[in-house]
């Protein structure tokens, strides 16, 4: 099964609103791997690895849950890190 890795950057009011911990809970629920962390510019970085359908499910749920906070997001393919689970990084 193909397990792509993608890097998302979320911009807007995404720090201080529970974004990282909500992301971690949803990621564990759908079984994807990777991490989420705040960046010094006020954005949040999500690096996620998993089946396409699971990654899409996660991002769709984040978009819906934080609709009033996310102003925009970017996505790019990310070179093959291997993850053992999903974690919140500082």
PDB file of N, CA and C in Angstrom:
ATOM      1  N   UNK A   1       0.849  -1.188   0.000  1.00  0.00           N
ATOM      2  CA  UNK A   1       0.000   0.000   0.000  1.00  0.00           C
ATOM      3  C   UNK A   1       0.891   1.246   0.000  1.00  0.00           C
ATOM      4  N   UNK A   2       0.545   2.212  -0.813  1.00  0.00           N
ATOM      5  CA  UNK A   2       1.294   3.460  -0.905  1.00  0.00           C
ATOM      6  C   UNK A   2       1.068   4.294   0.356  1.00  0.00           C
ATOM      7  N   UNK A   3       2.162   4.754   0.948  1.00  0.00           N
ATOM      8  CA  UNK A   3       2.087   5.570   2.158  1.00  0.00           C
ATOM      9  C   UNK A   3       2.798   6.908   1.914  1.00  0.00           C
ATOM     10  N   UNK A   4       2.155   7.824   1.206  1.00  0.00           N
ATOM     11  CA  UNK A   4       2.804   9.111   0.926  1.00  0.00           C
ATOM     12  C   UNK A   4       3.018   9.916   2.201  1.00  0.00           C
ATOM     13  N   UNK A   5       4.010  10.773   2.159  1.00  0.00           N
ATOM     14  CA  UNK A   5       4.255  11.716   3.248  1.00  0.00           C
ATOM     15  C   UNK A   5       4.055  13.115   2.698  1.00  0.00           C
ATOM     16  N   UNK A   6       3.284  13.923   3.423  1.00  0.00           N
ATOM     17  CA  UNK A   6       3.012  15.299   2.996  1.00  0.00           C
ATOM     18  C   UNK A   6       3.289  16.253   4.150  1.00  0.00           C
ATOM     19  N   UNK A   7       3.643  17.447   3.760  1.00  0.00           N
ATOM     20  CA  UNK A   7       3.850  18.522   4.742  1.00  0.00           C
ATOM     21  C   UNK A   7       2.824  19.610   4.477  1.00  0.00           C
ATOM     22  N   UNK A   8       2.021  19.902   5.504  1.00  0.00           N
ATOM     23  CA  UNK A   8       1.024  20.961   5.440  1.00  0.00           C
ATOM     24  C   UNK A   8       1.463  22.091   6.355  1.00  0.00           C
ATOM     25  N   UNK A   9       1.254  23.317   5.921  1.00  0.00           N
ATOM     26  CA  UNK A   9       1.407  24.488   6.775  1.00  0.00           C
ATOM     27  C   UNK A   9       0.056  25.168   6.852  1.00  0.00           C
ATOM     28  N   UNK A  10      -0.399  25.391   8.075  1.00  0.00           N
ATOM     29  CA  UNK A  10      -1.675  26.058   8.317  1.00  0.00           C
ATOM     30  C   UNK A  10      -1.401  27.460   8.828  1.00  0.00           C
ATOM     31  N   UNK A  11      -2.051  28.444   8.216  1.00  0.00           N
ATOM     32  CA  UNK A  11      -1.866  29.848   8.579  1.00  0.00           C
ATOM     33  C   UNK A  11      -3.177  30.429   9.065  1.00  0.00           C
ATOM     34  N   UNK A  12      -3.083  31.407   9.922  1.00  0.00           N
ATOM     35  CA  UNK A  12      -4.250  32.063  10.498  1.00  0.00           C
ATOM     36  C   UNK A  12      -4.089  32.103  12.003  1.00  0.00           C
ATOM     37  N   UNK A  13      -5.205  32.014  12.709  1.00  0.00           N
ATOM     38  CA  UNK A  13      -5.148  31.950  14.179  1.00  0.00           C
ATOM     39  C   UNK A  13      -5.168  30.471  14.568  1.00  0.00           C
ATOM     40  N   UNK A  14      -4.033  29.824  14.384  1.00  0.00           N
ATOM     41  CA  UNK A  14      -3.951  28.374  14.567  1.00  0.00           C
ATOM     42  C   UNK A  14      -3.102  27.968  15.775  1.00  0.00           C
ATOM     43  N   UNK A  15      -2.556  28.938  16.478  1.00  0.00           N
ATOM     44  CA  UNK A  15      -1.843  28.642  17.714  1.00  0.00           C
ATOM     45  C   UNK A  15      -2.675  29.148  18.887  1.00  0.00           C
ATOM     46  N   UNK A  16      -2.646  28.380  19.982  1.00  0.00           N
ATOM     47  CA  UNK A  16      -3.397  28.771  21.159  1.00  0.00           C
ATOM     48  C   UNK A  16      -4.875  28.430  21.100  1.00  0.00           C
ATOM     49  N   UNK A  17      -5.265  27.585  20.159  1.00  0.00           N
ATOM     50  CA  UNK A  17      -6.680  27.206  20.014  1.00  0.00           C
ATOM     51  C   UNK A  17      -6.874  25.685  20.081  1.00  0.00           C
ATOM     52  N   UNK A  18      -5.848  24.962  20.515  1.00  0.00           N
ATOM     53  CA  UNK A  18      -5.940  23.505  20.616  1.00  0.00           C
ATOM     54  C   UNK A  18      -5.681  22.771  19.315  1.00  0.00           C
ATOM     55  N   UNK A  19      -5.094  23.444  18.355  1.00  0.00           N
ATOM     56  CA  UNK A  19      -4.891  22.861  17.025  1.00  0.00           C
ATOM     57  C   UNK A  19      -4.010  21.617  17.082  1.00  0.00           C
ATOM     58  N   UNK A  20      -2.882  21.698  17.776  1.00  0.00           N
ATOM     59  CA  UNK A  20      -1.949  20.559  17.801  1.00  0.00           C
ATOM     60  C   UNK A  20      -2.569  19.331  18.460  1.00  0.00           C
ATOM     61  N   UNK A  21      -3.241  19.534  19.582  1.00  0.00           N
ATOM     62  CA  UNK A  21      -3.774  18.385  20.311  1.00  0.00           C
ATOM     63  C   UNK A  21      -5.017  17.803  19.631  1.00  0.00           C
ATOM     64  N   UNK A  22      -5.799  18.646  18.992  1.00  0.00           N
ATOM     65  CA  UNK A  22      -6.911  18.146  18.188  1.00  0.00           C
ATOM     66  C   UNK A  22      -6.369  17.339  17.011  1.00  0.00           C
ATOM     67  N   UNK A  23      -5.333  17.861  16.365  1.00  0.00           N
ATOM     68  CA  UNK A  23      -4.703  17.156  15.247  1.00  0.00           C
ATOM     69  C   UNK A  23      -4.182  15.795  15.689  1.00  0.00           C
ATOM     70  N   UNK A  24      -3.504  15.758  16.824  1.00  0.00           N
ATOM     71  CA  UNK A  24      -2.952  14.494  17.316  1.00  0.00           C
ATOM     72  C   UNK A  24      -4.058  13.481  17.585  1.00  0.00           C
ATOM     73  N   UNK A  25      -5.150  13.909  18.188  1.00  0.00           N
ATOM     74  CA  UNK A  25      -6.260  12.996  18.450  1.00  0.00           C
ATOM     75  C   UNK A  25      -6.873  12.450  17.175  1.00  0.00           C
ATOM     76  N   UNK A  26      -7.086  13.320  16.207  1.00  0.00           N
ATOM     77  CA  UNK A  26      -7.644  12.887  14.927  1.00  0.00           C
ATOM     78  C   UNK A  26      -6.672  11.977  14.174  1.00  0.00           C
ATOM     79  N   UNK A  27      -5.386  12.302  14.240  1.00  0.00           N
ATOM     80  CA  UNK A  27      -4.374  11.491  13.552  1.00  0.00           C
ATOM     81  C   UNK A  27      -4.333  10.082  14.127  1.00  0.00           C
ATOM     82  N   UNK A  28      -4.402   9.992  15.440  1.00  0.00           N
ATOM     83  CA  UNK A  28      -4.402   8.660  16.064  1.00  0.00           C
ATOM     84  C   UNK A  28      -5.680   7.899  15.732  1.00  0.00           C
ATOM     85  N   UNK A  29      -6.786   8.622  15.620  1.00  0.00           N
ATOM     86  CA  UNK A  29      -8.069   7.997  15.288  1.00  0.00           C
ATOM     87  C   UNK A  29      -8.050   7.369  13.900  1.00  0.00           C
ATOM     88  N   UNK A  30      -7.414   8.043  12.953  1.00  0.00           N
ATOM     89  CA  UNK A  30      -7.413   7.508  11.585  1.00  0.00           C
ATOM     90  C   UNK A  30      -6.147   6.712  11.262  1.00  0.00           C
ATOM     91  N   UNK A  31      -5.204   6.643  12.194  1.00  0.00           N
ATOM     92  CA  UNK A  31      -4.052   5.759  12.030  1.00  0.00           C
ATOM     93  C   UNK A  31      -2.906   6.285  11.195  1.00  0.00           C
ATOM     94  N   UNK A  32      -2.805   7.602  11.025  1.00  0.00           N
ATOM     95  CA  UNK A  32      -1.674   8.150  10.279  1.00  0.00           C
ATOM     96  C   UNK A  32      -0.489   8.376  11.228  1.00  0.00           C
ATOM     97  N   UNK A  33       0.674   8.554  10.644  1.00  0.00           N
ATOM     98  CA  UNK A  33       1.911   8.761  11.396  1.00  0.00           C
ATOM     99  C   UNK A  33       2.453  10.149  11.102  1.00  0.00           C
ATOM    100  N   UNK A  34       3.353  10.646  11.958  1.00  0.00           N
ATOM    101  CA  UNK A  34       4.007  11.921  11.717  1.00  0.00           C
ATOM    102  C   UNK A  34       4.046  12.787  12.941  1.00  0.00           C
ATOM    103  N   UNK A  35       3.952  14.101  12.717  1.00  0.00           N
ATOM    104  CA  UNK A  35       3.987  15.042  13.836  1.00  0.00           C
ATOM    105  C   UNK A  35       3.304  16.346  13.471  1.00  0.00           C
ATOM    106  N   UNK A  36       2.998  17.113  14.498  1.00  0.00           N
ATOM    107  CA  UNK A  36       2.460  18.459  14.350  1.00  0.00           C
ATOM    108  C   UNK A  36       3.225  19.357  15.308  1.00  0.00           C
ATOM    109  N   UNK A  37       3.516  20.586  14.883  1.00  0.00           N
ATOM    110  CA  UNK A  37       4.242  21.515  15.754  1.00  0.00           C
ATOM    111  C   UNK A  37       3.942  22.957  15.381  1.00  0.00           C
ATOM    112  N   UNK A  38       4.055  23.827  16.382  1.00  0.00           N
ATOM    113  CA  UNK A  38       3.954  25.260  16.149  1.00  0.00           C
ATOM    114  C   UNK A  38       5.252  25.752  15.535  1.00  0.00           C
ATOM    115  N   UNK A  39       5.145  26.739  14.677  1.00  0.00           N
ATOM    116  CA  UNK A  39       6.325  27.374  14.083  1.00  0.00           C
ATOM    117  C   UNK A  39       6.433  28.799  14.615  1.00  0.00           C
ATOM    118  N   UNK A  40       7.630  29.326  14.588  1.00  0.00           N
ATOM    119  CA  UNK A  40       7.879  30.655  15.156  1.00  0.00           C
ATOM    120  C   UNK A  40       7.149  31.771  14.414  1.00  0.00           C
ATOM    121  N   UNK A  41       6.721  31.538  13.173  1.00  0.00           N
ATOM    122  CA  UNK A  41       6.005  32.567  12.410  1.00  0.00           C
ATOM    123  C   UNK A  41       4.498  32.578  12.705  1.00  0.00           C
ATOM    124  N   UNK A  42       4.039  31.727  13.653  1.00  0.00           N
ATOM    125  CA  UNK A  42       2.629  31.689  14.013  1.00  0.00           C
ATOM    126  C   UNK A  42       1.819  30.634  13.276  1.00  0.00           C
ATOM    127  N   UNK A  43       2.449  29.947  12.343  1.00  0.00           N
ATOM    128  CA  UNK A  43       1.757  28.880  11.621  1.00  0.00           C
ATOM    129  C   UNK A  43       1.933  27.555  12.363  1.00  0.00           C
ATOM    130  N   UNK A  44       1.246  26.537  11.879  1.00  0.00           N
ATOM    131  CA  UNK A  44       1.384  25.179  12.409  1.00  0.00           C
ATOM    132  C   UNK A  44       1.800  24.274  11.266  1.00  0.00           C
ATOM    133  N   UNK A  45       2.796  23.439  11.535  1.00  0.00           N
ATOM    134  CA  UNK A  45       3.301  22.483  10.555  1.00  0.00           C
ATOM    135  C   UNK A  45       2.781  21.088  10.898  1.00  0.00           C
ATOM    136  N   UNK A  46       2.258  20.416   9.895  1.00  0.00           N
ATOM    137  CA  UNK A  46       1.807  19.037  10.019  1.00  0.00           C
ATOM    138  C   UNK A  46       2.542  18.215   8.979  1.00  0.00           C
ATOM    139  N   UNK A  47       3.316  17.242   9.432  1.00  0.00           N
ATOM    140  CA  UNK A  47       3.934  16.276   8.527  1.00  0.00           C
ATOM    141  C   UNK A  47       3.234  14.960   8.795  1.00  0.00           C
ATOM    142  N   UNK A  48       2.614  14.417   7.757  1.00  0.00           N
ATOM    143  CA  UNK A  48       1.732  13.269   7.946  1.00  0.00           C
ATOM    144  C   UNK A  48       2.004  12.208   6.890  1.00  0.00           C
ATOM    145  N   UNK A  49       2.014  10.958   7.347  1.00  0.00           N
ATOM    146  CA  UNK A  49       2.280   9.817   6.472  1.00  0.00           C
ATOM    147  C   UNK A  49       1.176   8.787   6.677  1.00  0.00           C
ATOM    148  N   UNK A  50       0.636   8.316   5.585  1.00  0.00           N
ATOM    149  CA  UNK A  50      -0.410   7.304   5.683  1.00  0.00           C
ATOM    150  C   UNK A  50      -1.093   7.107   4.348  1.00  0.00           C
ATOM    151  N   UNK A  51      -2.076   6.261   4.368  1.00  0.00           N
ATOM    152  CA  UNK A  51      -2.859   6.024   3.161  1.00  0.00           C
ATOM    153  C   UNK A  51      -3.540   7.317   2.737  1.00  0.00           C
ATOM    154  N   UNK A  52      -3.644   7.516   1.458  1.00  0.00           N
ATOM    155  CA  UNK A  52      -4.233   8.737   0.886  1.00  0.00           C
ATOM    156  C   UNK A  52      -5.593   9.064   1.502  1.00  0.00           C
ATOM    157  N   UNK A  53      -6.442   8.061   1.636  1.00  0.00           N
ATOM    158  CA  UNK A  53      -7.783   8.272   2.173  1.00  0.00           C
ATOM    159  C   UNK A  53      -7.720   8.743   3.626  1.00  0.00           C
ATOM    160  N   UNK A  54      -6.766   8.244   4.406  1.00  0.00           N
ATOM    161  CA  UNK A  54      -6.643   8.636   5.809  1.00  0.00           C
ATOM    162  C   UNK A  54      -6.084  10.052   5.954  1.00  0.00           C
ATOM    163  N   UNK A  55      -5.105  10.383   5.128  1.00  0.00           N
ATOM    164  CA  UNK A  55      -4.544  11.741   5.156  1.00  0.00           C
ATOM    165  C   UNK A  55      -5.624  12.743   4.752  1.00  0.00           C
ATOM    166  N   UNK A  56      -6.372  12.432   3.705  1.00  0.00           N
ATOM    167  CA  UNK A  56      -7.457  13.312   3.271  1.00  0.00           C
ATOM    168  C   UNK A  56      -8.516  13.468   4.366  1.00  0.00           C
ATOM    169  N   UNK A  57      -8.848  12.369   5.040  1.00  0.00           N
ATOM    170  CA  UNK A  57      -9.827  12.406   6.133  1.00  0.00           C
ATOM    171  C   UNK A  57      -9.355  13.358   7.237  1.00  0.00           C
ATOM    172  N   UNK A  58      -8.097  13.245   7.612  1.00  0.00           N
ATOM    173  CA  UNK A  58      -7.541  14.100   8.660  1.00  0.00           C
ATOM    174  C   UNK A  58      -7.624  15.574   8.270  1.00  0.00           C
ATOM    175  N   UNK A  59      -7.163  15.912   7.092  1.00  0.00           N
ATOM    176  CA  UNK A  59      -7.131  17.317   6.667  1.00  0.00           C
ATOM    177  C   UNK A  59      -8.549  17.864   6.503  1.00  0.00           C
ATOM    178  N   UNK A  60      -9.456  17.062   5.995  1.00  0.00           N
ATOM    179  CA  UNK A  60     -10.851  17.492   5.871  1.00  0.00           C
ATOM    180  C   UNK A  60     -11.443  17.812   7.244  1.00  0.00           C
ATOM    181  N   UNK A  61     -11.163  16.968   8.223  1.00  0.00           N
ATOM    182  CA  UNK A  61     -11.672  17.206   9.575  1.00  0.00           C
ATOM    183  C   UNK A  61     -11.020  18.428  10.224  1.00  0.00           C
ATOM    184  N   UNK A  62      -9.745  18.635   9.983  1.00  0.00           N
ATOM    185  CA  UNK A  62      -9.088  19.844  10.502  1.00  0.00           C
ATOM    186  C   UNK A  62      -9.683  21.090   9.863  1.00  0.00           C
ATOM    187  N   UNK A  63      -9.869  21.064   8.552  1.00  0.00           N
ATOM    188  CA  UNK A  63     -10.462  22.212   7.854  1.00  0.00           C
ATOM    189  C   UNK A  63     -11.840  22.538   8.421  1.00  0.00           C
ATOM    190  N   UNK A  64     -12.637  21.513   8.687  1.00  0.00           N
ATOM    191  CA  UNK A  64     -13.993  21.736   9.210  1.00  0.00           C
ATOM    192  C   UNK A  64     -13.954  22.222  10.658  1.00  0.00           C
ATOM    193  N   UNK A  65     -13.142  21.578  11.485  1.00  0.00           N
ATOM    194  CA  UNK A  65     -13.090  21.909  12.913  1.00  0.00           C
ATOM    195  C   UNK A  65     -12.554  23.325  13.153  1.00  0.00           C
ATOM    196  N   UNK A  66     -11.562  23.719  12.368  1.00  0.00           N
ATOM    197  CA  UNK A  66     -10.915  25.019  12.559  1.00  0.00           C
ATOM    198  C   UNK A  66     -11.245  26.000  11.429  1.00  0.00           C
ATOM    199  N   UNK A  67     -12.415  25.862  10.855  1.00  0.00           N
ATOM    200  CA  UNK A  67     -12.812  26.691   9.711  1.00  0.00           C
ATOM    201  C   UNK A  67     -12.713  28.187  10.013  1.00  0.00           C
ATOM    202  N   UNK A  68     -13.027  28.602  11.204  1.00  0.00           N
ATOM    203  CA  UNK A  68     -12.975  30.014  11.557  1.00  0.00           C
ATOM    204  C   UNK A  68     -11.579  30.511  11.897  1.00  0.00           C
ATOM    205  N   UNK A  69     -10.618  29.606  11.945  1.00  0.00           N
ATOM    206  CA  UNK A  69      -9.260  29.959  12.356  1.00  0.00           C
ATOM    207  C   UNK A  69      -8.239  29.840  11.225  1.00  0.00           C
ATOM    208  N   UNK A  70      -8.443  28.888  10.327  1.00  0.00           N
ATOM    209  CA  UNK A  70      -7.499  28.682   9.227  1.00  0.00           C
ATOM    210  C   UNK A  70      -7.803  29.695   8.125  1.00  0.00           C
ATOM    211  N   UNK A  71      -6.807  30.511   7.806  1.00  0.00           N
ATOM    212  CA  UNK A  71      -6.949  31.461   6.699  1.00  0.00           C
ATOM    213  C   UNK A  71      -6.521  30.827   5.384  1.00  0.00           C
ATOM    214  N   UNK A  72      -5.488  30.004   5.445  1.00  0.00           N
ATOM    215  CA  UNK A  72      -5.020  29.291   4.255  1.00  0.00           C
ATOM    216  C   UNK A  72      -4.103  28.170   4.697  1.00  0.00           C
ATOM    217  N   UNK A  73      -3.873  27.252   3.771  1.00  0.00           N
ATOM    218  CA  UNK A  73      -2.923  26.179   4.029  1.00  0.00           C
ATOM    219  C   UNK A  73      -2.175  25.842   2.751  1.00  0.00           C
ATOM    220  N   UNK A  74      -0.983  25.338   2.934  1.00  0.00           N
ATOM    221  CA  UNK A  74      -0.186  24.875   1.806  1.00  0.00           C
ATOM    222  C   UNK A  74       0.088  23.388   2.008  1.00  0.00           C
ATOM    223  N   UNK A  75       0.404  22.715   0.922  1.00  0.00           N
ATOM    224  CA  UNK A  75       0.740  21.297   0.997  1.00  0.00           C
ATOM    225  C   UNK A  75       1.839  20.999  -0.013  1.00  0.00           C
ATOM    226  N   UNK A  76       2.728  20.107   0.378  1.00  0.00           N
ATOM    227  CA  UNK A  76       3.775  19.650  -0.527  1.00  0.00           C
ATOM    228  C   UNK A  76       4.137  18.214  -0.179  1.00  0.00           C
ATOM    229  N   UNK A  77       4.601  17.470  -1.168  1.00  0.00           N
ATOM    230  CA  UNK A  77       5.127  16.144  -0.895  1.00  0.00           C
ATOM    231  C   UNK A  77       6.379  16.303  -0.054  1.00  0.00           C
ATOM    232  N   UNK A  78       6.593  15.367   0.841  1.00  0.00           N
ATOM    233  CA  UNK A  78       7.716  15.450   1.778  1.00  0.00           C
ATOM    234  C   UNK A  78       8.560  14.196   1.615  1.00  0.00           C
ATOM    235  N   UNK A  79       9.874  14.370   1.543  1.00  0.00           N
ATOM    236  CA  UNK A  79      10.728  13.193   1.344  1.00  0.00           C
ATOM    237  C   UNK A  79      10.632  12.215   2.517  1.00  0.00           C
ATOM    238  N   UNK A  80      10.681  10.963   2.199  1.00  0.00           N
ATOM    239  CA  UNK A  80      10.417   9.804   3.027  1.00  0.00           C
ATOM    240  C   UNK A  80      10.960   9.671   4.421  1.00  0.00           C
ATOM    241  N   UNK A  81      10.547  10.518   5.351  1.00  0.00           N
ATOM    242  CA  UNK A  81      10.808  10.222   6.749  1.00  0.00           C
ATOM    243  C   UNK A  81      10.002   8.983   7.112  1.00  0.00           C
ATOM    244  N   UNK A  82      10.490   8.245   8.103  1.00  0.00           N
ATOM    245  CA  UNK A  82       9.742   7.106   8.610  1.00  0.00           C
ATOM    246  C   UNK A  82       9.360   7.403  10.046  1.00  0.00           C
ATOM    247  N   UNK A  83       8.110   7.201  10.379  1.00  0.00           N
ATOM    248  CA  UNK A  83       7.597   7.530  11.706  1.00  0.00           C
ATOM    249  C   UNK A  83       7.080   6.268  12.390  1.00  0.00           C
ATOM    250  N   UNK A  84       7.216   6.248  13.716  1.00  0.00           N
ATOM    251  CA  UNK A  84       6.740   5.106  14.498  1.00  0.00           C
ATOM    252  C   UNK A  84       5.348   5.359  15.066  1.00  0.00           C
ATOM    253  N   UNK A  85       4.920   6.603  15.069  1.00  0.00           N
ATOM    254  CA  UNK A  85       3.624   6.963  15.626  1.00  0.00           C
ATOM    255  C   UNK A  85       3.308   8.396  15.221  1.00  0.00           C
ATOM    256  N   UNK A  86       2.466   9.038  16.021  1.00  0.00           N
ATOM    257  CA  UNK A  86       2.152  10.442  15.786  1.00  0.00           C
ATOM    258  C   UNK A  86       2.438  11.209  17.063  1.00  0.00           C
ATOM    259  N   UNK A  87       3.125  12.353  16.936  1.00  0.00           N
ATOM    260  CA  UNK A  87       3.491  13.108  18.122  1.00  0.00           C
ATOM    261  C   UNK A  87       3.274  14.599  17.957  1.00  0.00           C
ATOM    262  N   UNK A  88       3.106  15.253  19.091  1.00  0.00           N
ATOM    263  CA  UNK A  88       3.051  16.701  19.158  1.00  0.00           C
ATOM    264  C   UNK A  88       4.458  17.160  19.506  1.00  0.00           C
ATOM    265  N   UNK A  89       5.017  18.000  18.675  1.00  0.00           N
ATOM    266  CA  UNK A  89       6.354  18.548  18.929  1.00  0.00           C
ATOM    267  C   UNK A  89       6.232  19.999  19.336  1.00  0.00           C
ATOM    268  N   UNK A  90       7.188  20.467  20.048  1.00  0.00           N
ATOM    269  CA  UNK A  90       7.225  21.878  20.468  1.00  0.00           C
ATOM    270  C   UNK A  90       7.839  22.731  19.404  1.00  0.00           C
TER     271      UNK A  90
END
